[in-house]
Amino acid sequence: QVQLVESGGGLMQPGGSLRLSCAASGSIGSMYIMGWYRQAPRNERELVATITSGGRTDYGDSVMGRFTISRDNAKGTMYLQMNNLKPEDTAVYYCYWRKFATSTTSWGQGIQVTVSS
């Protein structure tokens, strides 16, 4: 079982930056995908960004060019650098992990990001 804990959310003005962290513990394995989803009130959960164990990254269209996903294997932590934040980025952000071989999935508890002046 993999446990995920997000941190780094909060309130930011439009145009500002935030960095989210996702600390992973447990048996992460060697073949997996991790990433971030977000969900705003009355909206469906939306893909933000993913990164595979091989380092391949992918981004949702709405954050392309503004957000960067990365990970520090030594620390067991994944990051989401969010630049040029917009009010429409306001949502609860969830960290997730999925094992390729079995599709076993874990989710973090979610963290609020609010972009407002």
C-alpha atoms as a PDB file:
ATOM      1  CA  GLN A   1       0.000   0.000   0.000  1.00  0.00           C
ATOM      2  CA  VAL A   2       1.279   3.442  -0.972  1.00  0.00           C
ATOM      3  CA  GLN A   3       0.451   6.467   1.158  1.00  0.00           C
ATOM      4  CA  LEU A   4       0.431   9.954  -0.364  1.00  0.00           C
ATOM      5  CA  VAL A   5       0.428  13.274   1.486  1.00  0.00           C
ATOM      6  CA  GLU A   6       0.067  16.604  -0.319  1.00  0.00           C
ATOM      7  CA  SER A   7       1.348  19.953   0.922  1.00  0.00           C
ATOM      8  CA  GLY A   8       1.988  23.463  -0.366  1.00  0.00           C
ATOM      9  CA  GLY A   9      -1.478  24.665  -1.287  1.00  0.00           C
ATOM     10  CA  GLY A  10      -3.075  27.920  -0.242  1.00  0.00           C
ATOM     11  CA  LEU A  11      -4.199  31.296  -1.509  1.00  0.00           C
ATOM     12  CA  MET A  12      -2.358  33.119  -4.292  1.00  0.00           C
ATOM     13  CA  GLN A  13      -3.064  36.139  -6.434  1.00  0.00           C
ATOM     14  CA  PRO A  14      -3.491  35.760 -10.188  1.00  0.00           C
ATOM     15  CA  GLY A  15      -0.117  35.656 -11.911  1.00  0.00           C
ATOM     16  CA  GLY A  16       1.590  34.218  -8.849  1.00  0.00           C
ATOM     17  CA  SER A  17       3.237  30.855  -8.266  1.00  0.00           C
ATOM     18  CA  LEU A  18       2.814  27.924  -5.908  1.00  0.00           C
ATOM     19  CA  ARG A  19       4.568  24.596  -5.587  1.00  0.00           C
ATOM     20  CA  LEU A  20       2.680  21.516  -4.473  1.00  0.00           C
ATOM     21  CA  SER A  21       4.469  18.535  -2.990  1.00  0.00           C
ATOM     22  CA  CYS A  22       3.332  14.926  -2.736  1.00  0.00           C
ATOM     23  CA  ALA A  23       5.291  12.767  -0.309  1.00  0.00           C
ATOM     24  CA  ALA A  24       4.984   9.068  -1.074  1.00  0.00           C
ATOM     25  CA  SER A  25       5.679   6.236   1.335  1.00  0.00           C
ATOM     26  CA  GLY A  26       5.314   2.507   1.102  1.00  0.00           C
ATOM     27  CA  SER A  27       6.093   0.149  -1.749  1.00  0.00           C
ATOM     28  CA  ILE A  28       6.103   2.505  -4.723  1.00  0.00           C
ATOM     29  CA  GLY A  29       7.703  -0.022  -7.053  1.00  0.00           C
ATOM     30  CA  SER A  30       9.732   0.524 -10.199  1.00  0.00           C
ATOM     31  CA  MET A  31       7.028   0.691 -12.896  1.00  0.00           C
ATOM     32  CA  TYR A  32       4.377   3.260 -12.083  1.00  0.00           C
ATOM     33  CA  ILE A  33       2.762   6.531 -12.976  1.00  0.00           C
ATOM     34  CA  MET A  34       2.180   9.413 -10.595  1.00  0.00           C
ATOM     35  CA  GLY A  35       0.385  12.619 -11.145  1.00  0.00           C
ATOM     36  CA  TRP A  36      -2.003  15.350 -10.162  1.00  0.00           C
ATOM     37  CA  TYR A  37      -5.689  15.736 -10.754  1.00  0.00           C
ATOM     38  CA  ARG A  38      -7.853  18.623  -9.655  1.00  0.00           C
ATOM     39  CA  GLN A  39     -11.532  19.162  -9.007  1.00  0.00           C
ATOM     40  CA  ALA A  40     -13.343  22.463  -8.770  1.00  0.00           C
ATOM     41  CA  PRO A  41     -16.847  22.772  -7.293  1.00  0.00           C
ATOM     42  CA  ARG A  42     -19.503  21.410  -9.676  1.00  0.00           C
ATOM     43  CA  ASN A  43     -16.805  20.194 -12.087  1.00  0.00           C
ATOM     44  CA  GLU A  44     -15.516  16.737 -12.878  1.00  0.00           C
ATOM     45  CA  ARG A  45     -12.050  15.683 -11.780  1.00  0.00           C
ATOM     46  CA  GLU A  46      -9.546  16.937 -14.350  1.00  0.00           C
ATOM     47  CA  LEU A  47      -6.096  15.659 -15.256  1.00  0.00           C
ATOM     48  CA  VAL A  48      -3.387  18.221 -14.493  1.00  0.00           C
ATOM     49  CA  ALA A  49      -0.096  16.406 -15.086  1.00  0.00           C
ATOM     50  CA  THR A  50       1.508  12.981 -14.911  1.00  0.00           C
ATOM     51  CA  ILE A  51       5.006  11.567 -14.705  1.00  0.00           C
ATOM     52  CA  THR A  52       6.001   7.952 -15.205  1.00  0.00           C
ATOM     53  CA  SER A  53       8.719   5.995 -13.463  1.00  0.00           C
ATOM     54  CA  GLY A  54      10.684   6.411 -16.702  1.00  0.00           C
ATOM     55  CA  GLY A  55      10.399  10.190 -16.507  1.00  0.00           C
ATOM     56  CA  ARG A  56       7.836  10.776 -19.259  1.00  0.00           C
ATOM     57  CA  THR A  57       5.586  13.735 -18.498  1.00  0.00           C
ATOM     58  CA  ASP A  58       2.176  14.744 -19.773  1.00  0.00           C
ATOM     59  CA  TYR A  59       0.001  17.800 -19.123  1.00  0.00           C
ATOM     60  CA  GLY A  60      -3.595  18.835 -19.420  1.00  0.00           C
ATOM     61  CA  ASP A  61      -4.247  21.446 -22.106  1.00  0.00           C
ATOM     62  CA  SER A  62      -5.305  24.089 -19.601  1.00  0.00           C
ATOM     63  CA  VAL A  63      -1.969  24.034 -17.733  1.00  0.00           C
ATOM     64  CA  MET A  64       0.455  23.362 -20.597  1.00  0.00           C
ATOM     65  CA  GLY A  65       3.337  25.829 -20.477  1.00  0.00           C
ATOM     66  CA  ARG A  66       2.471  27.074 -16.977  1.00  0.00           C
ATOM     67  CA  PHE A  67       2.807  24.000 -14.750  1.00  0.00           C
ATOM     68  CA  THR A  68       5.764  21.641 -14.414  1.00  0.00           C
ATOM     69  CA  ILE A  69       5.693  18.209 -12.822  1.00  0.00           C
ATOM     70  CA  SER A  70       8.843  16.646 -11.392  1.00  0.00           C
ATOM     71  CA  ARG A  71       9.978  14.164  -8.793  1.00  0.00           C
ATOM     72  CA  ASP A  72      12.875  13.582  -6.444  1.00  0.00           C
ATOM     73  CA  ASN A  73      13.336   9.830  -6.177  1.00  0.00           C
ATOM     74  CA  ALA A  74      15.758  10.132  -3.266  1.00  0.00           C
ATOM     75  CA  LYS A  75      13.148  11.977  -1.226  1.00  0.00           C
ATOM     76  CA  GLY A  76      10.197   9.978  -2.536  1.00  0.00           C
ATOM     77  CA  THR A  77       8.462  13.222  -3.394  1.00  0.00           C
ATOM     78  CA  MET A  78       6.679  14.539  -6.463  1.00  0.00           C
ATOM     79  CA  TYR A  79       6.214  18.236  -7.173  1.00  0.00           C
ATOM     80  CA  LEU A  80       3.930  20.451  -9.192  1.00  0.00           C
ATOM     81  CA  GLN A  81       5.342  23.893  -9.906  1.00  0.00           C
ATOM     82  CA  MET A  82       2.464  26.171 -10.833  1.00  0.00           C
ATOM     83  CA  ASN A  83       3.311  29.501 -12.467  1.00  0.00           C
ATOM     84  CA  ASN A  84       1.145  32.277 -13.867  1.00  0.00           C
ATOM     85  CA  LEU A  85      -1.788  31.066 -11.824  1.00  0.00           C
ATOM     86  CA  LYS A  86      -5.288  31.954 -12.974  1.00  0.00           C
ATOM     87  CA  PRO A  87      -8.578  32.070 -11.070  1.00  0.00           C
ATOM     88  CA  GLU A  88      -9.722  29.016 -13.048  1.00  0.00           C
ATOM     89  CA  ASP A  89      -6.885  27.032 -11.437  1.00  0.00           C
ATOM     90  CA  THR A  90      -8.819  27.195  -8.182  1.00  0.00           C
ATOM     91  CA  ALA A  91      -9.598  23.625  -7.142  1.00  0.00           C
ATOM     92  CA  VAL A  92      -8.745  20.815  -4.778  1.00  0.00           C
ATOM     93  CA  TYR A  93      -5.605  19.143  -6.107  1.00  0.00           C
ATOM     94  CA  TYR A  94      -5.119  15.409  -5.630  1.00  0.00           C
ATOM     95  CA  CYS A  95      -1.912  13.440  -5.897  1.00  0.00           C
ATOM     96  CA  TYR A  96      -2.163   9.881  -7.181  1.00  0.00           C
ATOM     97  CA  TRP A  97      -0.045   6.808  -7.863  1.00  0.00           C
ATOM     98  CA  ARG A  98      -0.837   3.793 -10.030  1.00  0.00           C
ATOM     99  CA  LYS A  99       1.154   0.628 -10.523  1.00  0.00           C
ATOM    100  CA  PHE A 100       1.334  -0.366 -14.186  1.00  0.00           C
ATOM    101  CA  ALA A 101       1.282  -4.122 -13.680  1.00  0.00           C
ATOM    102  CA  THR A 102      -1.821  -4.331 -11.492  1.00  0.00           C
ATOM    103  CA  SER A 103      -3.481  -0.887 -11.842  1.00  0.00           C
ATOM    104  CA  THR A 104      -3.430  -0.625  -8.057  1.00  0.00           C
ATOM    105  CA  THR A 105      -4.086   3.032  -7.278  1.00  0.00           C
ATOM    106  CA  SER A 106      -3.609   5.319  -4.270  1.00  0.00           C
ATOM    107  CA  TRP A 107      -4.848   8.868  -3.784  1.00  0.00           C
ATOM    108  CA  GLY A 108      -3.836  11.662  -1.458  1.00  0.00           C
ATOM    109  CA  GLN A 109      -6.374  13.455   0.694  1.00  0.00           C
ATOM    110  CA  GLY A 110      -6.398  16.537  -1.538  1.00  0.00           C
ATOM    111  CA  ILE A 111      -5.217  20.081  -0.965  1.00  0.00           C
ATOM    112  CA  GLN A 112      -6.948  23.363  -1.706  1.00  0.00           C
ATOM    113  CA  VAL A 113      -5.484  25.884  -4.137  1.00  0.00           C
ATOM    114  CA  THR A 114      -7.294  29.205  -4.410  1.00  0.00           C
ATOM    115  CA  VAL A 115      -6.323  31.875  -6.935  1.00  0.00           C
ATOM    116  CA  SER A 116      -7.989  35.176  -6.204  1.00  0.00           C
ATOM    117  CA  SER A 117      -7.191  38.842  -5.871  1.00  0.00           C
END
